[in-house]
Amino acid sequence: MNKLVFAFLVLVLSAGAALQKPIPPGLRQAERAEQQGEQNVPPPANAPVKPSFAEVQHDADQLALLARTLPDEVSQLAKGTRPRDLEEKLKEIDKLSKRLRSNLRRM
């Protein structure tokens, strides 16, 4: 009877060990290195600088000025002439609007 119980325990324990996934070699070392690396990383030296209100106002004014010139230039397209700087103005409007959005998020 004791031999039967012992055999049953050995069978159960070996089956339980077989169900566990083996840890790949180097995984624990990699986890330790990652933890140590995170501990050794210094905090950021300085936080992002908030934009000044004057900077935001300047960008908004420039954006408005460029946007006011677009209707005249688009009407020239209807006449058959294409303004040379239309493409550059549109790129500048895009750049200013992205910068303005970014600055407003940081305020």
C-alpha atoms as a PDB file:
ATOM      1  CA  MET A   1       0.000   0.000   0.000  1.00  0.00           C
ATOM      2  CA  ASN A   2       2.809   2.392   0.910  1.00  0.00           C
ATOM      3  CA  LYS A   3       4.531   1.649  -2.384  1.00  0.00           C
ATOM      4  CA  LEU A   4       1.311   2.449  -4.229  1.00  0.00           C
ATOM      5  CA  VAL A   5       0.888   5.790  -2.433  1.00  0.00           C
ATOM      6  CA  PHE A   6       4.545   6.616  -3.022  1.00  0.00           C
ATOM      7  CA  ALA A   7       4.263   5.784  -6.737  1.00  0.00           C
ATOM      8  CA  PHE A   8       1.111   7.884  -6.984  1.00  0.00           C
ATOM      9  CA  LEU A   9       2.853  10.882  -5.340  1.00  0.00           C
ATOM     10  CA  VAL A  10       5.852  10.570  -7.627  1.00  0.00           C
ATOM     11  CA  LEU A  11       3.546  10.425 -10.647  1.00  0.00           C
ATOM     12  CA  VAL A  12       1.556  13.506  -9.544  1.00  0.00           C
ATOM     13  CA  LEU A  13       4.656  15.531  -8.720  1.00  0.00           C
ATOM     14  CA  SER A  14       6.373  14.675 -11.987  1.00  0.00           C
ATOM     15  CA  ALA A  15       3.215  15.546 -13.951  1.00  0.00           C
ATOM     16  CA  GLY A  16       2.992  18.902 -12.149  1.00  0.00           C
ATOM     17  CA  ALA A  17       6.611  19.667 -12.990  1.00  0.00           C
ATOM     18  CA  ALA A  18       5.992  18.774 -16.620  1.00  0.00           C
ATOM     19  CA  LEU A  19       3.129  21.268 -16.848  1.00  0.00           C
ATOM     20  CA  GLN A  20       5.363  24.201 -15.903  1.00  0.00           C
ATOM     21  CA  LYS A  21       7.026  25.919 -18.833  1.00  0.00           C
ATOM     22  CA  PRO A  22      10.793  25.964 -18.587  1.00  0.00           C
ATOM     23  CA  ILE A  23      12.338  29.413 -18.262  1.00  0.00           C
ATOM     24  CA  PRO A  24      14.483  30.126 -21.321  1.00  0.00           C
ATOM     25  CA  PRO A  25      18.188  30.560 -20.609  1.00  0.00           C
ATOM     26  CA  GLY A  26      19.176  34.166 -20.082  1.00  0.00           C
ATOM     27  CA  LEU A  27      15.667  35.405 -19.301  1.00  0.00           C
ATOM     28  CA  ARG A  28      16.375  35.997 -15.624  1.00  0.00           C
ATOM     29  CA  GLN A  29      19.657  37.712 -16.443  1.00  0.00           C
ATOM     30  CA  ALA A  30      17.885  39.942 -18.935  1.00  0.00           C
ATOM     31  CA  GLU A  31      15.206  40.845 -16.390  1.00  0.00           C
ATOM     32  CA  ARG A  32      17.856  41.696 -13.802  1.00  0.00           C
ATOM     33  CA  ALA A  33      19.803  43.803 -16.291  1.00  0.00           C
ATOM     34  CA  GLU A  34      16.627  45.631 -17.280  1.00  0.00           C
ATOM     35  CA  GLN A  35      15.758  46.365 -13.651  1.00  0.00           C
ATOM     36  CA  GLN A  36      19.266  47.605 -12.933  1.00  0.00           C
ATOM     37  CA  GLY A  37      19.206  49.721 -16.090  1.00  0.00           C
ATOM     38  CA  GLU A  38      15.954  51.331 -15.033  1.00  0.00           C
ATOM     39  CA  GLN A  39      17.428  52.104 -11.615  1.00  0.00           C
ATOM     40  CA  ASN A  40      20.511  53.705 -13.122  1.00  0.00           C
ATOM     41  CA  VAL A  41      18.635  55.997 -15.501  1.00  0.00           C
ATOM     42  CA  PRO A  42      18.733  59.544 -14.159  1.00  0.00           C
ATOM     43  CA  PRO A  43      15.522  61.582 -14.216  1.00  0.00           C
ATOM     44  CA  PRO A  44      15.126  64.128 -17.008  1.00  0.00           C
ATOM     45  CA  ALA A  45      17.327  67.150 -16.394  1.00  0.00           C
ATOM     46  CA  ASN A  46      14.654  69.698 -17.179  1.00  0.00           C
ATOM     47  CA  ALA A  47      10.978  69.599 -17.927  1.00  0.00           C
ATOM     48  CA  PRO A  48       9.652  70.844 -21.279  1.00  0.00           C
ATOM     49  CA  VAL A  49       9.510  74.609 -21.354  1.00  0.00           C
ATOM     50  CA  LYS A  50       6.052  76.113 -21.493  1.00  0.00           C
ATOM     51  CA  PRO A  51       5.601  78.480 -24.411  1.00  0.00           C
ATOM     52  CA  SER A  52       5.092  82.130 -23.617  1.00  0.00           C
ATOM     53  CA  PHE A  53       1.818  83.826 -24.374  1.00  0.00           C
ATOM     54  CA  ALA A  54       3.642  86.253 -26.688  1.00  0.00           C
ATOM     55  CA  GLU A  55       4.986  83.343 -28.748  1.00  0.00           C
ATOM     56  CA  VAL A  56       1.533  81.789 -29.068  1.00  0.00           C
ATOM     57  CA  GLN A  57      -0.008  85.154 -29.972  1.00  0.00           C
ATOM     58  CA  HIS A  58       2.670  85.769 -32.615  1.00  0.00           C
ATOM     59  CA  ASP A  59       2.038  82.371 -34.236  1.00  0.00           C
ATOM     60  CA  ALA A  60      -1.724  82.989 -34.211  1.00  0.00           C
ATOM     61  CA  ASP A  61      -1.285  86.418 -35.805  1.00  0.00           C
ATOM     62  CA  GLN A  62       0.968  85.033 -38.539  1.00  0.00           C
ATOM     63  CA  LEU A  63      -1.472  82.209 -39.196  1.00  0.00           C
ATOM     64  CA  ALA A  64      -4.346  84.658 -39.526  1.00  0.00           C
ATOM     65  CA  LEU A  65      -2.319  86.907 -41.861  1.00  0.00           C
ATOM     66  CA  LEU A  66      -1.442  84.020 -44.164  1.00  0.00           C
ATOM     67  CA  ALA A  67      -5.005  82.689 -44.109  1.00  0.00           C
ATOM     68  CA  ARG A  68      -6.358  86.121 -45.163  1.00  0.00           C
ATOM     69  CA  THR A  69      -4.278  86.057 -48.358  1.00  0.00           C
ATOM     70  CA  LEU A  70      -5.601  82.681 -49.539  1.00  0.00           C
ATOM     71  CA  PRO A  71      -8.983  83.727 -50.995  1.00  0.00           C
ATOM     72  CA  ASP A  72      -7.317  86.194 -53.410  1.00  0.00           C
ATOM     73  CA  GLU A  73      -4.788  83.629 -54.543  1.00  0.00           C
ATOM     74  CA  VAL A  74      -7.451  80.942 -55.007  1.00  0.00           C
ATOM     75  CA  SER A  75      -9.508  83.359 -57.097  1.00  0.00           C
ATOM     76  CA  GLN A  76      -6.448  83.793 -59.344  1.00  0.00           C
ATOM     77  CA  LEU A  77      -6.658  80.054 -60.007  1.00  0.00           C
ATOM     78  CA  ALA A  78     -10.137  80.578 -61.457  1.00  0.00           C
ATOM     79  CA  LYS A  79      -8.651  83.149 -63.863  1.00  0.00           C
ATOM     80  CA  GLY A  80      -6.145  80.598 -65.073  1.00  0.00           C
ATOM     81  CA  THR A  81      -3.061  81.870 -63.266  1.00  0.00           C
ATOM     82  CA  ARG A  82      -1.422  79.999 -60.461  1.00  0.00           C
ATOM     83  CA  PRO A  83       0.375  82.070 -57.824  1.00  0.00           C
ATOM     84  CA  ARG A  84       3.936  80.924 -57.421  1.00  0.00           C
ATOM     85  CA  ASP A  85       4.044  81.090 -53.631  1.00  0.00           C
ATOM     86  CA  LEU A  86       0.658  79.451 -52.968  1.00  0.00           C
ATOM     87  CA  GLU A  87       2.260  76.087 -52.197  1.00  0.00           C
ATOM     88  CA  GLU A  88       4.770  77.660 -49.779  1.00  0.00           C
ATOM     89  CA  LYS A  89       2.021  79.637 -48.036  1.00  0.00           C
ATOM     90  CA  LEU A  90      -0.033  76.475 -47.557  1.00  0.00           C
ATOM     91  CA  LYS A  91       2.995  74.659 -46.111  1.00  0.00           C
ATOM     92  CA  GLU A  92       3.676  77.584 -43.774  1.00  0.00           C
ATOM     93  CA  ILE A  93       0.025  77.598 -42.657  1.00  0.00           C
ATOM     94  CA  ASP A  94       0.271  73.874 -41.922  1.00  0.00           C
ATOM     95  CA  LYS A  95       3.521  74.333 -39.991  1.00  0.00           C
ATOM     96  CA  LEU A  96       2.149  77.260 -37.972  1.00  0.00           C
ATOM     97  CA  SER A  97      -1.079  75.451 -37.134  1.00  0.00           C
ATOM     98  CA  LYS A  98       0.815  72.373 -35.897  1.00  0.00           C
ATOM     99  CA  ARG A  99       3.137  74.502 -33.774  1.00  0.00           C
ATOM    100  CA  LEU A 100       0.207  76.490 -32.402  1.00  0.00           C
ATOM    101  CA  ARG A 101      -1.672  73.286 -31.476  1.00  0.00           C
ATOM    102  CA  SER A 102       1.417  71.886 -29.787  1.00  0.00           C
ATOM    103  CA  ASN A 103       2.044  75.091 -27.839  1.00  0.00           C
ATOM    104  CA  LEU A 104      -1.560  75.309 -26.716  1.00  0.00           C
ATOM    105  CA  ARG A 105      -1.403  71.746 -25.376  1.00  0.00           C
ATOM    106  CA  ARG A 106       1.674  72.612 -23.320  1.00  0.00           C
ATOM    107  CA  MET A 107       0.199  75.765 -21.788  1.00  0.00           C
END
